[in-house]
Amino acid sequence: MRTLLLWIGRLGLAFTILPAVLFFAGTLTLSATKLVMLVGMVLWFVTAPINQRVN
């Protein structure tokens, strides 16, 4: 369970960083960028406190 939460948190961080790079490169639209970053933010803010409590 802990490993799964760590990977979901990392995925959330990737979803907040990669869309900005892809938008800058011109391969992702602005609306798609906002949606993916919103999903990443939710994933990160849900899993980060749980991961910190486990450690």
Protein backbone atom coordinates (compact mmCIF):
# COMPACT_ATOMS: atom_id res chain seq x y z
CA MET A 1 0.00 0.00 0.00
CA ARG A 2 2.79 2.42 0.90
CA THR A 3 4.61 1.75 -2.36
CA LEU A 4 1.43 2.34 -4.33
CA LEU A 5 0.84 5.68 -2.60
CA LEU A 6 4.42 6.75 -3.30
CA TRP A 7 4.03 5.97 -7.00
CA ILE A 8 0.68 7.76 -7.20
CA GLY A 9 2.31 10.81 -5.60
CA ARG A 10 5.16 10.70 -8.09
CA LEU A 11 2.66 10.38 -10.91
CA GLY A 12 0.89 13.46 -9.56
CA LEU A 13 4.15 15.41 -9.60
CA ALA A 14 4.83 14.26 -13.15
CA PHE A 15 1.33 15.40 -14.13
CA THR A 16 2.14 18.88 -12.86
CA ILE A 17 5.53 19.20 -14.56
CA LEU A 18 5.23 17.43 -17.90
CA PRO A 19 2.15 19.26 -19.27
CA ALA A 20 3.92 22.61 -18.95
CA VAL A 21 6.85 21.28 -20.97
CA LEU A 22 4.55 19.74 -23.57
CA PHE A 23 2.56 22.98 -23.85
CA PHE A 24 5.75 24.94 -24.32
CA ALA A 25 6.80 22.51 -27.05
CA GLY A 26 3.43 23.00 -28.75
CA THR A 27 2.22 19.40 -28.48
CA LEU A 28 -0.51 20.01 -25.88
CA THR A 29 -3.36 22.50 -25.94
CA LEU A 30 -3.98 24.94 -23.12
CA SER A 31 -7.21 23.28 -22.01
CA ALA A 32 -5.58 19.84 -21.94
CA THR A 33 -2.64 21.27 -20.02
CA LYS A 34 -4.95 22.73 -17.39
CA LEU A 35 -6.88 19.49 -17.04
CA VAL A 36 -3.80 17.29 -16.64
CA MET A 37 -2.25 19.72 -14.17
CA LEU A 38 -5.48 19.77 -12.15
CA VAL A 39 -5.47 15.97 -11.96
CA GLY A 40 -1.81 16.01 -10.92
CA MET A 41 -2.48 18.59 -8.23
CA VAL A 42 -5.31 16.54 -6.77
CA LEU A 43 -3.23 13.35 -6.82
CA TRP A 44 -0.32 15.07 -5.12
CA PHE A 45 -2.37 16.84 -2.44
CA VAL A 46 -4.24 13.64 -1.59
CA THR A 47 -1.20 11.36 -1.36
CA ALA A 48 1.47 13.67 0.07
CA PRO A 49 0.03 13.99 3.60
CA ILE A 50 -0.61 10.26 3.74
CA ASN A 51 2.96 9.51 2.66
CA GLN A 52 4.36 11.90 5.24
CA ARG A 53 2.29 10.30 7.99
CA VAL A 54 3.50 6.82 7.03
CA ASN A 55 7.15 7.84 7.31
